[in-house]
Amino acid sequence: MAIKQQEITDEYSIYNGDCIEVFSEYPDQSTDLWVYSPPFGGLYQYSSSERDLSNCLNRDEFFEHYKFVVAESARLIKPGRMVCVHCTDIPSGNTGLDSIYDFPGDIIRLHEKYDFKLVARRIIWKEPLTVRNRTMSKSLSHKCLTLDSTKTSIANADQLLTFRAKGINDLPVSHPTGLLNYAGSDKMPPENKEYEGWTGSQLQNKFSHWIWRQYASSVWMDIRIDNVLPHRDAKEDEEEKHCHPLQLDVIERIICLYSNPNEIVVTPFMGVGSEVYQAVKMGRKAIGAELKPSYYRQSAKNVAEAKIDIPQYQKGLFG
């Protein structure tokens, strides 16, 4: 399968094609950070392409295909750098008598086969009624509670798995003046806000310290779930039952914590371009691959807006 479309600039390279074929042209240890959300095997169907992981018949087939992506990330990532995978537990169905499949656990075990080490598992909280209204899950209904609460379940949280590649990172990701921006919904206390722009001793930087406490938490309850890129125009047929991009808050935090300005951020399942968009906004370079043409077209529109949307605290990175 040849690359159908591509757009290459000084800030990003995006491709409409199979990510394995796209990445095969890149040299070993040439990227600095990977961040993506793979198709949630068995939960959503994104397209009818036989190359689409969401079309796999079962878990074994899914991981037989997905291992090529993990192998490429192991080849392309620099020593000691990070790969971040957004995923969730997967319900067996919607009958009211369902179980859940530990999809994140199998992702962890696959990465371990390629010498990655799990260094963090962050939980991204989801509001139950919102999830019920979006998924129409029988086990999340109040009616189910009133009839038989043994059949109730939970609003499964998303998980953000962070892996470190083998080897030693020879270029620290440093923050000499602390964290400069908070990506989230909570309101910073006024006594911390007063230290915004602090350049003195970092022991006294209450602005950065407060942000760090949110980011270092194992449970992120302050992610703005609807802080996502435009995506509805990318839906083009009835077979596609899900399109909800990864939240920009999540991506901004990852890029801030695990990459330096001008480094290369990679996403093998680009979707509508969220990771590429956020990387460009934050002064990084980005590589993205997307199999579905309608998603690629939407990502090209979204990414083109990235430099227009650069926030004030990032302006200095662009001269």
C-alpha atoms as a PDB file:
ATOM      1  CA  MET A   1       0.000   0.000   0.000  1.00  0.00           C
ATOM      2  CA  ALA A   2       1.632   3.225  -1.144  1.00  0.00           C
ATOM      3  CA  ILE A   3       1.245   6.455   0.800  1.00  0.00           C
ATOM      4  CA  LYS A   4      -1.893   8.052  -0.618  1.00  0.00           C
ATOM      5  CA  GLN A   5      -1.277  11.603   0.587  1.00  0.00           C
ATOM      6  CA  GLN A   6       1.356  13.392   2.578  1.00  0.00           C
ATOM      7  CA  GLU A   7       2.249  16.840   3.808  1.00  0.00           C
ATOM      8  CA  ILE A   8       5.793  17.648   4.895  1.00  0.00           C
ATOM      9  CA  THR A   9       6.836  20.964   6.443  1.00  0.00           C
ATOM     10  CA  ASP A  10       9.614  22.147   8.735  1.00  0.00           C
ATOM     11  CA  GLU A  11       7.350  21.505  11.739  1.00  0.00           C
ATOM     12  CA  TYR A  12       5.608  18.245  10.854  1.00  0.00           C
ATOM     13  CA  SER A  13       5.246  15.332   8.467  1.00  0.00           C
ATOM     14  CA  ILE A  14       1.833  13.694   8.154  1.00  0.00           C
ATOM     15  CA  TYR A  15       0.918  10.726   5.987  1.00  0.00           C
ATOM     16  CA  ASN A  16      -2.234   8.980   4.794  1.00  0.00           C
ATOM     17  CA  GLY A  17      -1.026   5.395   4.801  1.00  0.00           C
ATOM     18  CA  ASP A  18      -0.109   2.367   6.880  1.00  0.00           C
ATOM     19  CA  CYS A  19       2.108   3.495   9.767  1.00  0.00           C
ATOM     20  CA  ILE A  20       4.443   0.496   9.429  1.00  0.00           C
ATOM     21  CA  GLU A  21       5.218   1.355   5.817  1.00  0.00           C
ATOM     22  CA  VAL A  22       5.578   5.045   6.693  1.00  0.00           C
ATOM     23  CA  PHE A  23       7.971   4.464   9.573  1.00  0.00           C
ATOM     24  CA  SER A  24      10.092   1.907   7.724  1.00  0.00           C
ATOM     25  CA  GLU A  25      11.760   4.817   5.925  1.00  0.00           C
ATOM     26  CA  TYR A  26      12.969   6.430   9.162  1.00  0.00           C
ATOM     27  CA  PRO A  27      16.375   5.543  10.676  1.00  0.00           C
ATOM     28  CA  ASP A  28      16.950   3.791  13.996  1.00  0.00           C
ATOM     29  CA  GLN A  29      16.830   5.882  17.182  1.00  0.00           C
ATOM     30  CA  SER A  30      15.641   8.972  15.332  1.00  0.00           C
ATOM     31  CA  THR A  31      12.630   9.967  17.471  1.00  0.00           C
ATOM     32  CA  ASP A  32      12.262  11.359  20.992  1.00  0.00           C
ATOM     33  CA  LEU A  33       8.715  10.649  22.195  1.00  0.00           C
ATOM     34  CA  TRP A  34       5.784   8.494  21.094  1.00  0.00           C
ATOM     35  CA  VAL A  35       2.235   9.260  22.217  1.00  0.00           C
ATOM     36  CA  TYR A  36      -0.899   7.662  20.820  1.00  0.00           C
ATOM     37  CA  SER A  37      -4.146   5.848  21.417  1.00  0.00           C
ATOM     38  CA  PRO A  38      -4.325   2.523  19.540  1.00  0.00           C
ATOM     39  CA  PRO A  39      -7.620   1.121  18.277  1.00  0.00           C
ATOM     40  CA  PHE A  40      -9.338  -0.447  21.286  1.00  0.00           C
ATOM     41  CA  GLY A  41      -9.473  -3.997  19.983  1.00  0.00           C
ATOM     42  CA  GLY A  42     -13.049  -5.319  19.924  1.00  0.00           C
ATOM     43  CA  LEU A  43     -14.619  -2.075  21.177  1.00  0.00           C
ATOM     44  CA  TYR A  44     -14.825   0.249  18.156  1.00  0.00           C
ATOM     45  CA  GLN A  45     -14.615  -0.205  14.408  1.00  0.00           C
ATOM     46  CA  TYR A  46     -13.042   2.733  12.596  1.00  0.00           C
ATOM     47  CA  SER A  47     -13.034   1.558   8.977  1.00  0.00           C
ATOM     48  CA  SER A  48     -13.422  -1.499   6.763  1.00  0.00           C
ATOM     49  CA  SER A  49      -9.722  -1.647   5.798  1.00  0.00           C
ATOM     50  CA  GLU A  50      -8.051  -5.009   6.365  1.00  0.00           C
ATOM     51  CA  ARG A  51      -5.047  -3.029   7.646  1.00  0.00           C
ATOM     52  CA  ASP A  52      -7.131  -1.434  10.394  1.00  0.00           C
ATOM     53  CA  LEU A  53      -6.422  -3.028  13.781  1.00  0.00           C
ATOM     54  CA  SER A  54     -10.022  -2.400  14.815  1.00  0.00           C
ATOM     55  CA  ASN A  55     -11.098  -5.024  12.263  1.00  0.00           C
ATOM     56  CA  CYS A  56      -9.184  -7.897  13.843  1.00  0.00           C
ATOM     57  CA  LEU A  57     -11.313 -10.972  14.539  1.00  0.00           C
ATOM     58  CA  ASN A  58     -10.032 -11.569  18.069  1.00  0.00           C
ATOM     59  CA  ARG A  59      -7.445 -10.491  20.630  1.00  0.00           C
ATOM     60  CA  ASP A  60      -4.728 -12.792  19.329  1.00  0.00           C
ATOM     61  CA  GLU A  61      -5.040 -11.369  15.835  1.00  0.00           C
ATOM     62  CA  PHE A  62      -5.087  -7.819  17.190  1.00  0.00           C
ATOM     63  CA  PHE A  63      -1.844  -8.284  19.098  1.00  0.00           C
ATOM     64  CA  GLU A  64      -0.251 -10.171  16.207  1.00  0.00           C
ATOM     65  CA  HIS A  65      -0.732  -6.978  14.159  1.00  0.00           C
ATOM     66  CA  TYR A  66      -0.084  -4.492  16.964  1.00  0.00           C
ATOM     67  CA  LYS A  67       3.303  -6.020  17.775  1.00  0.00           C
ATOM     68  CA  PHE A  68       4.679  -4.532  14.536  1.00  0.00           C
ATOM     69  CA  VAL A  69       3.854  -1.061  15.854  1.00  0.00           C
ATOM     70  CA  VAL A  70       5.540  -1.741  19.187  1.00  0.00           C
ATOM     71  CA  ALA A  71       8.578  -3.179  17.412  1.00  0.00           C
ATOM     72  CA  GLU A  72       8.871  -0.033  15.285  1.00  0.00           C
ATOM     73  CA  SER A  73       8.618   2.181  18.357  1.00  0.00           C
ATOM     74  CA  ALA A  74      11.427   0.158  19.973  1.00  0.00           C
ATOM     75  CA  ARG A  75      13.562   0.626  16.846  1.00  0.00           C
ATOM     76  CA  LEU A  76      12.882   4.311  16.340  1.00  0.00           C
ATOM     77  CA  ILE A  77      12.854   5.655  19.904  1.00  0.00           C
ATOM     78  CA  LYS A  78      16.101   6.979  21.358  1.00  0.00           C
ATOM     79  CA  PRO A  79      17.578   5.159  24.377  1.00  0.00           C
ATOM     80  CA  GLY A  80      15.923   5.965  27.662  1.00  0.00           C
ATOM     81  CA  ARG A  81      13.073   7.946  26.111  1.00  0.00           C
ATOM     82  CA  MET A  82       9.345   7.495  26.542  1.00  0.00           C
ATOM     83  CA  VAL A  83       6.412   5.849  24.777  1.00  0.00           C
ATOM     84  CA  CYS A  84       2.955   6.788  26.127  1.00  0.00           C
ATOM     85  CA  VAL A  85      -0.092   4.667  25.252  1.00  0.00           C
ATOM     86  CA  HIS A  86      -3.677   5.731  25.982  1.00  0.00           C
ATOM     87  CA  CYS A  87      -6.065   2.801  26.483  1.00  0.00           C
ATOM     88  CA  THR A  88      -8.843   1.385  28.666  1.00  0.00           C
ATOM     89  CA  ASP A  89     -10.427  -1.824  29.945  1.00  0.00           C
ATOM     90  CA  ILE A  90     -12.858  -3.256  27.384  1.00  0.00           C
ATOM     91  CA  PRO A  91     -16.345  -4.558  28.255  1.00  0.00           C
ATOM     92  CA  SER A  92     -17.339  -7.904  26.776  1.00  0.00           C
ATOM     93  CA  GLY A  93     -20.666  -6.511  25.546  1.00  0.00           C
ATOM     94  CA  ASN A  94     -23.747  -4.555  26.586  1.00  0.00           C
ATOM     95  CA  THR A  95     -26.095  -7.179  27.990  1.00  0.00           C
ATOM     96  CA  GLY A  96     -26.036  -6.147  31.630  1.00  0.00           C
ATOM     97  CA  LEU A  97     -24.160  -9.368  32.495  1.00  0.00           C
ATOM     98  CA  ASP A  98     -20.780  -8.449  31.072  1.00  0.00           C
ATOM     99  CA  SER A  99     -17.191  -8.726  32.226  1.00  0.00           C
ATOM    100  CA  ILE A 100     -14.224  -6.537  31.345  1.00  0.00           C
ATOM    101  CA  TYR A 101     -11.035  -7.444  29.509  1.00  0.00           C
ATOM    102  CA  ASP A 102      -7.713  -6.138  30.830  1.00  0.00           C
ATOM    103  CA  PHE A 103      -6.559  -4.576  27.556  1.00  0.00           C
ATOM    104  CA  PRO A 104      -3.937  -2.357  29.287  1.00  0.00           C
ATOM    105  CA  GLY A 105      -2.392  -5.439  30.886  1.00  0.00           C
ATOM    106  CA  ASP A 106      -1.776  -7.093  27.525  1.00  0.00           C
ATOM    107  CA  ILE A 107      -0.333  -3.831  26.165  1.00  0.00           C
ATOM    108  CA  ILE A 108       2.114  -3.777  29.077  1.00  0.00           C
ATOM    109  CA  ARG A 109       3.183  -7.369  28.529  1.00  0.00           C
ATOM    110  CA  LEU A 110       3.741  -6.781  24.816  1.00  0.00           C
ATOM    111  CA  HIS A 111       5.942  -3.751  25.476  1.00  0.00           C
ATOM    112  CA  GLU A 112       7.959  -5.709  28.016  1.00  0.00           C
ATOM    113  CA  LYS A 113       8.800  -8.216  25.260  1.00  0.00           C
ATOM    114  CA  TYR A 114      10.516  -5.352  23.427  1.00  0.00           C
ATOM    115  CA  ASP A 115      12.532  -4.282  26.498  1.00  0.00           C
ATOM    116  CA  PHE A 116      10.294  -1.378  27.501  1.00  0.00           C
ATOM    117  CA  LYS A 117       9.769  -0.799  31.218  1.00  0.00           C
ATOM    118  CA  LEU A 118       6.466   0.474  32.591  1.00  0.00           C
ATOM    119  CA  VAL A 119       7.248   3.541  34.706  1.00  0.00           C
ATOM    120  CA  ALA A 120       3.795   5.078  35.238  1.00  0.00           C
ATOM    121  CA  ARG A 121       0.126   4.167  34.941  1.00  0.00           C
ATOM    122  CA  ARG A 122      -2.127   7.200  35.194  1.00  0.00           C
ATOM    123  CA  ILE A 123      -5.889   6.869  35.527  1.00  0.00           C
ATOM    124  CA  ILE A 124      -8.080   9.421  33.700  1.00  0.00           C
ATOM    125  CA  TRP A 125     -11.431   9.706  35.461  1.00  0.00           C
ATOM    126  CA  LYS A 126     -14.700   9.636  33.507  1.00  0.00           C
ATOM    127  CA  GLU A 127     -18.013  11.021  34.761  1.00  0.00           C
ATOM    128  CA  PRO A 128     -20.482   8.070  34.922  1.00  0.00           C
ATOM    129  CA  LEU A 129     -23.601   9.760  33.550  1.00  0.00           C
ATOM    130  CA  THR A 130     -21.665  11.196  30.619  1.00  0.00           C
ATOM    131  CA  VAL A 131     -20.323   7.736  29.805  1.00  0.00           C
ATOM    132  CA  ARG A 132     -23.803   6.230  30.153  1.00  0.00           C
ATOM    133  CA  ASN A 133     -25.292   8.769  27.763  1.00  0.00           C
ATOM    134  CA  ARG A 134     -22.521   8.230  25.210  1.00  0.00           C
ATOM    135  CA  THR A 135     -22.380   4.418  25.328  1.00  0.00           C
ATOM    136  CA  MET A 136     -25.946   3.569  26.465  1.00  0.00           C
ATOM    137  CA  SER A 137     -24.399   0.965  28.752  1.00  0.00           C
ATOM    138  CA  LYS A 138     -27.130  -1.017  30.492  1.00  0.00           C
ATOM    139  CA  SER A 139     -24.946  -1.614  33.546  1.00  0.00           C
ATOM    140  CA  LEU A 140     -24.548   2.139  34.112  1.00  0.00           C
ATOM    141  CA  SER A 141     -28.256   2.929  34.174  1.00  0.00           C
ATOM    142  CA  HIS A 142     -30.065   3.890  37.350  1.00  0.00           C
ATOM    143  CA  LYS A 143     -32.831   1.528  36.277  1.00  0.00           C
ATOM    144  CA  CYS A 144     -30.367  -1.360  36.493  1.00  0.00           C
ATOM    145  CA  LEU A 145     -29.533  -0.302  40.047  1.00  0.00           C
ATOM    146  CA  THR A 146     -33.192  -0.335  41.082  1.00  0.00           C
ATOM    147  CA  LEU A 147     -33.827  -3.766  39.542  1.00  0.00           C
ATOM    148  CA  ASP A 148     -30.639  -5.675  40.448  1.00  0.00           C
ATOM    149  CA  SER A 149     -27.458  -3.886  41.477  1.00  0.00           C
ATOM    150  CA  THR A 150     -25.397  -7.062  41.006  1.00  0.00           C
ATOM    151  CA  LYS A 151     -25.681  -6.290  37.294  1.00  0.00           C
ATOM    152  CA  THR A 152     -24.300  -2.763  37.608  1.00  0.00           C
ATOM    153  CA  SER A 153     -20.780  -1.851  36.563  1.00  0.00           C
ATOM    154  CA  ILE A 154     -18.630   1.303  36.428  1.00  0.00           C
ATOM    155  CA  ALA A 155     -17.642   4.027  34.015  1.00  0.00           C
ATOM    156  CA  ASN A 156     -14.292   2.590  32.998  1.00  0.00           C
ATOM    157  CA  ALA A 157     -11.496   5.118  33.377  1.00  0.00           C
ATOM    158  CA  ASP A 158      -8.983   5.661  30.618  1.00  0.00           C
ATOM    159  CA  GLN A 159      -5.405   4.669  31.367  1.00  0.00           C
ATOM    160  CA  LEU A 160      -2.204   6.351  30.253  1.00  0.00           C
ATOM    161  CA  LEU A 161       0.669   3.869  30.241  1.00  0.00           C
ATOM    162  CA  THR A 162       4.162   5.360  30.163  1.00  0.00           C
ATOM    163  CA  PHE A 163       7.063   3.156  29.089  1.00  0.00           C
ATOM    164  CA  ARG A 164      10.792   3.886  29.094  1.00  0.00           C
ATOM    165  CA  ALA A 165      12.935   2.419  26.312  1.00  0.00           C
ATOM    166  CA  LYS A 166      16.055   0.510  27.254  1.00  0.00           C
ATOM    167  CA  GLY A 167      19.307   2.442  27.521  1.00  0.00           C
ATOM    168  CA  ILE A 168      20.316   5.766  29.004  1.00  0.00           C
ATOM    169  CA  ASN A 169      18.859   9.101  27.933  1.00  0.00           C
ATOM    170  CA  ASP A 170      21.805  11.350  27.058  1.00  0.00           C
ATOM    171  CA  LEU A 171      19.796  14.604  26.787  1.00  0.00           C
ATOM    172  CA  PRO A 172      17.794  15.450  29.933  1.00  0.00           C
ATOM    173  CA  VAL A 173      14.325  16.922  29.557  1.00  0.00           C
ATOM    174  CA  SER A 174      14.886  19.881  31.851  1.00  0.00           C
ATOM    175  CA  HIS A 175      12.613  22.597  33.217  1.00  0.00           C
ATOM    176  CA  PRO A 176      15.017  25.174  34.707  1.00  0.00           C
ATOM    177  CA  THR A 177      12.222  27.644  35.493  1.00  0.00           C
ATOM    178  CA  GLY A 178       9.671  24.985  36.381  1.00  0.00           C
ATOM    179  CA  LEU A 179       6.366  24.271  34.640  1.00  0.00           C
ATOM    180  CA  LEU A 180       4.976  27.292  32.802  1.00  0.00           C
ATOM    181  CA  ASN A 181       1.384  26.280  32.040  1.00  0.00           C
ATOM    182  CA  TYR A 182      -1.324  24.137  33.597  1.00  0.00           C
ATOM    183  CA  ALA A 183      -3.447  21.990  31.257  1.00  0.00           C
ATOM    184  CA  GLY A 184      -6.548  21.048  33.201  1.00  0.00           C
ATOM    185  CA  SER A 185      -9.847  22.078  34.763  1.00  0.00           C
ATOM    186  CA  ASP A 186      -8.931  22.816  38.391  1.00  0.00           C
ATOM    187  CA  LYS A 187      -8.513  26.369  39.616  1.00  0.00           C
ATOM    188  CA  MET A 188      -5.083  27.213  40.982  1.00  0.00           C
ATOM    189  CA  PRO A 189      -5.128  28.829  44.464  1.00  0.00           C
ATOM    190  CA  PRO A 190      -4.380  32.587  44.335  1.00  0.00           C
ATOM    191  CA  GLU A 191      -1.311  32.191  46.572  1.00  0.00           C
ATOM    192  CA  ASN A 192       0.219  29.861  43.968  1.00  0.00           C
ATOM    193  CA  LYS A 193      -0.899  31.930  40.979  1.00  0.00           C
ATOM    194  CA  GLU A 194       1.155  34.848  42.313  1.00  0.00           C
ATOM    195  CA  TYR A 195       4.348  32.945  41.443  1.00  0.00           C
ATOM    196  CA  GLU A 196       3.580  32.698  37.715  1.00  0.00           C
ATOM    197  CA  GLY A 197       6.724  33.672  35.775  1.00  0.00           C
ATOM    198  CA  TRP A 198       8.951  33.095  38.826  1.00  0.00           C
ATOM    199  CA  THR A 199      12.650  32.979  37.921  1.00  0.00           C
ATOM    200  CA  GLY A 200      14.171  32.751  41.398  1.00  0.00           C
ATOM    201  CA  SER A 201      14.882  29.655  43.463  1.00  0.00           C
ATOM    202  CA  GLN A 202      12.712  26.767  42.321  1.00  0.00           C
ATOM    203  CA  LEU A 203      12.251  25.755  45.949  1.00  0.00           C
ATOM    204  CA  GLN A 204       9.976  28.791  46.204  1.00  0.00           C
ATOM    205  CA  ASN A 205       8.156  28.397  42.881  1.00  0.00           C
ATOM    206  CA  LYS A 206       4.670  27.651  44.213  1.00  0.00           C
ATOM    207  CA  PHE A 207       3.154  28.063  40.727  1.00  0.00           C
ATOM    208  CA  SER A 208       5.194  25.209  39.248  1.00  0.00           C
ATOM    209  CA  HIS A 209       4.970  23.120  42.421  1.00  0.00           C
ATOM    210  CA  TRP A 210       1.157  23.164  42.279  1.00  0.00           C
ATOM    211  CA  ILE A 211       1.110  22.085  38.614  1.00  0.00           C
ATOM    212  CA  TRP A 212       3.627  19.330  39.306  1.00  0.00           C
ATOM    213  CA  ARG A 213       1.441  17.925  42.073  1.00  0.00           C
ATOM    214  CA  GLN A 214      -1.430  17.568  39.595  1.00  0.00           C
ATOM    215  CA  TYR A 215       0.757  15.968  36.921  1.00  0.00           C
ATOM    216  CA  ALA A 216       2.501  13.603  39.353  1.00  0.00           C
ATOM    217  CA  SER A 217      -0.809  12.256  40.628  1.00  0.00           C
ATOM    218  CA  SER A 218      -1.663   8.667  39.676  1.00  0.00           C
ATOM    219  CA  VAL A 219      -5.278   9.726  39.058  1.00  0.00           C
ATOM    220  CA  TRP A 220      -6.074  12.643  36.745  1.00  0.00           C
ATOM    221  CA  MET A 221      -9.517  13.940  37.664  1.00  0.00           C
ATOM    222  CA  ASP A 222      -8.918  17.368  36.127  1.00  0.00           C
ATOM    223  CA  ILE A 223      -8.759  16.482  32.417  1.00  0.00           C
ATOM    224  CA  ARG A 224     -11.203  18.500  30.313  1.00  0.00           C
ATOM    225  CA  ILE A 225     -12.864  15.626  28.476  1.00  0.00           C
ATOM    226  CA  ASP A 226     -14.248  17.810  25.692  1.00  0.00           C
ATOM    227  CA  ASN A 227     -11.009  19.737  25.103  1.00  0.00           C
ATOM    228  CA  VAL A 228     -10.443  18.020  21.767  1.00  0.00           C
ATOM    229  CA  LEU A 229      -9.855  18.988  18.154  1.00  0.00           C
ATOM    230  CA  PRO A 230     -12.718  19.245  15.625  1.00  0.00           C
ATOM    231  CA  HIS A 231     -13.532  15.725  14.502  1.00  0.00           C
ATOM    232  CA  ARG A 232     -17.186  15.296  13.559  1.00  0.00           C
ATOM    233  CA  ASP A 233     -16.579  16.074   9.881  1.00  0.00           C
ATOM    234  CA  ALA A 234     -14.235  13.076   9.724  1.00  0.00           C
ATOM    235  CA  LYS A 235     -17.102  10.627  10.250  1.00  0.00           C
ATOM    236  CA  GLU A 236     -18.270   9.437   6.874  1.00  0.00           C
ATOM    237  CA  ASP A 237     -20.124   6.137   7.110  1.00  0.00           C
ATOM    238  CA  GLU A 238     -22.372   4.062   9.320  1.00  0.00           C
ATOM    239  CA  GLU A 239     -19.772   1.420  10.093  1.00  0.00           C
ATOM    240  CA  GLU A 240     -17.829   3.929  12.168  1.00  0.00           C
ATOM    241  CA  LYS A 241     -19.314   3.978  15.642  1.00  0.00           C
ATOM    242  CA  HIS A 242     -16.729   6.026  17.510  1.00  0.00           C
ATOM    243  CA  CYS A 243     -14.678   9.127  16.969  1.00  0.00           C
ATOM    244  CA  HIS A 244     -13.482  10.955  20.057  1.00  0.00           C
ATOM    245  CA  PRO A 245      -9.919  12.288  19.892  1.00  0.00           C
ATOM    246  CA  LEU A 246      -7.482  12.122  22.773  1.00  0.00           C
ATOM    247  CA  GLN A 247      -7.884  15.173  24.979  1.00  0.00           C
ATOM    248  CA  LEU A 248      -5.416  18.006  24.361  1.00  0.00           C
ATOM    249  CA  ASP A 249      -4.816  18.327  28.120  1.00  0.00           C
ATOM    250  CA  VAL A 250      -3.430  14.780  28.206  1.00  0.00           C
ATOM    251  CA  ILE A 251      -1.215  15.341  25.177  1.00  0.00           C
ATOM    252  CA  GLU A 252       0.122  18.675  26.442  1.00  0.00           C
ATOM    253  CA  ARG A 253       1.112  17.148  29.762  1.00  0.00           C
ATOM    254  CA  ILE A 254       2.935  14.264  28.097  1.00  0.00           C
ATOM    255  CA  ILE A 255       4.821  16.490  25.675  1.00  0.00           C
ATOM    256  CA  CYS A 256       5.758  18.900  28.452  1.00  0.00           C
ATOM    257  CA  LEU A 257       7.020  16.164  30.772  1.00  0.00           C
ATOM    258  CA  TYR A 258       8.845  13.959  28.279  1.00  0.00           C
ATOM    259  CA  SER A 259      10.284  16.086  25.463  1.00  0.00           C
ATOM    260  CA  ASN A 260      12.403  19.160  24.809  1.00  0.00           C
ATOM    261  CA  PRO A 261      11.628  21.917  22.286  1.00  0.00           C
ATOM    262  CA  ASN A 262      12.481  20.938  18.689  1.00  0.00           C
ATOM    263  CA  GLU A 263      12.462  17.214  19.490  1.00  0.00           C
ATOM    264  CA  ILE A 264      10.431  14.734  17.428  1.00  0.00           C
ATOM    265  CA  VAL A 265       7.053  13.494  18.658  1.00  0.00           C
ATOM    266  CA  VAL A 266       5.507  10.496  16.872  1.00  0.00           C
ATOM    267  CA  THR A 267       1.963   9.155  16.639  1.00  0.00           C
ATOM    268  CA  PRO A 268       1.248   6.000  14.576  1.00  0.00           C
ATOM    269  CA  PHE A 269      -2.556   6.345  14.844  1.00  0.00           C
ATOM    270  CA  MET A 270      -2.944  10.032  14.062  1.00  0.00           C
ATOM    271  CA  GLY A 271      -6.729  10.193  13.817  1.00  0.00           C
ATOM    272  CA  VAL A 272      -7.665  13.858  13.392  1.00  0.00           C
ATOM    273  CA  GLY A 273      -4.168  15.062  14.259  1.00  0.00           C
ATOM    274  CA  SER A 274      -4.360  15.824  17.980  1.00  0.00           C
ATOM    275  CA  GLU A 275      -0.829  14.752  18.909  1.00  0.00           C
ATOM    276  CA  VAL A 276       0.730  16.468  15.879  1.00  0.00           C
ATOM    277  CA  TYR A 277      -1.271  19.647  16.488  1.00  0.00           C
ATOM    278  CA  GLN A 278      -0.258  19.857  20.152  1.00  0.00           C
ATOM    279  CA  ALA A 279       3.390  19.059  19.421  1.00  0.00           C
ATOM    280  CA  VAL A 280       3.633  21.881  16.873  1.00  0.00           C
ATOM    281  CA  LYS A 281       1.901  24.279  19.279  1.00  0.00           C
ATOM    282  CA  MET A 282       4.544  23.453  21.880  1.00  0.00           C
ATOM    283  CA  GLY A 283       7.551  23.990  19.640  1.00  0.00           C
ATOM    284  CA  ARG A 284       8.264  20.358  18.790  1.00  0.00           C
ATOM    285  CA  LYS A 285       8.418  18.575  15.463  1.00  0.00           C
ATOM    286  CA  ALA A 286       5.943  15.796  14.747  1.00  0.00           C
ATOM    287  CA  ILE A 287       5.398  12.725  12.597  1.00  0.00           C
ATOM    288  CA  GLY A 288       1.929  11.230  12.181  1.00  0.00           C
ATOM    289  CA  ALA A 289       0.421   8.424  10.124  1.00  0.00           C
ATOM    290  CA  GLU A 290      -3.279   7.799   9.555  1.00  0.00           C
ATOM    291  CA  LEU A 291      -4.866   4.985   7.550  1.00  0.00           C
ATOM    292  CA  LYS A 292      -8.357   6.418   7.054  1.00  0.00           C
ATOM    293  CA  PRO A 293      -8.573   9.148   4.351  1.00  0.00           C
ATOM    294  CA  SER A 294     -11.367  11.152   6.022  1.00  0.00           C
ATOM    295  CA  TYR A 295      -9.400  11.307   9.270  1.00  0.00           C
ATOM    296  CA  TYR A 296      -6.277  12.336   7.395  1.00  0.00           C
ATOM    297  CA  ARG A 297      -8.100  15.168   5.643  1.00  0.00           C
ATOM    298  CA  GLN A 298      -9.434  16.444   8.956  1.00  0.00           C
ATOM    299  CA  SER A 299      -5.992  16.157  10.563  1.00  0.00           C
ATOM    300  CA  ALA A 300      -4.461  18.244   7.765  1.00  0.00           C
ATOM    301  CA  LYS A 301      -7.009  20.988   8.483  1.00  0.00           C
ATOM    302  CA  ASN A 302      -6.447  20.806  12.216  1.00  0.00           C
ATOM    303  CA  VAL A 303      -2.661  20.745  12.084  1.00  0.00           C
ATOM    304  CA  ALA A 304      -2.614  23.750   9.741  1.00  0.00           C
ATOM    305  CA  GLU A 305      -4.161  25.744  12.602  1.00  0.00           C
ATOM    306  CA  ALA A 306      -1.501  24.771  15.127  1.00  0.00           C
ATOM    307  CA  LYS A 307       0.885  27.697  14.657  1.00  0.00           C
ATOM    308  CA  ILE A 308      -2.032  30.130  14.632  1.00  0.00           C
ATOM    309  CA  ASP A 309      -3.117  28.786  18.029  1.00  0.00           C
ATOM    310  CA  ILE A 310       0.269  28.994  19.784  1.00  0.00           C
ATOM    311  CA  PRO A 311      -0.326  30.170  23.386  1.00  0.00           C
ATOM    312  CA  GLN A 312       1.505  33.178  24.782  1.00  0.00           C
ATOM    313  CA  TYR A 313       3.770  31.160  27.074  1.00  0.00           C
ATOM    314  CA  GLN A 314       5.154  29.303  24.019  1.00  0.00           C
ATOM    315  CA  LYS A 315       5.763  32.310  21.757  1.00  0.00           C
ATOM    316  CA  GLY A 316       9.478  32.513  22.470  1.00  0.00           C
ATOM    317  CA  LEU A 317      10.085  29.091  20.919  1.00  0.00           C
ATOM    318  CA  PHE A 318       9.290  30.337  17.426  1.00  0.00           C
ATOM    319  CA  GLY A 319      11.462  33.423  17.088  1.00  0.00           C
END
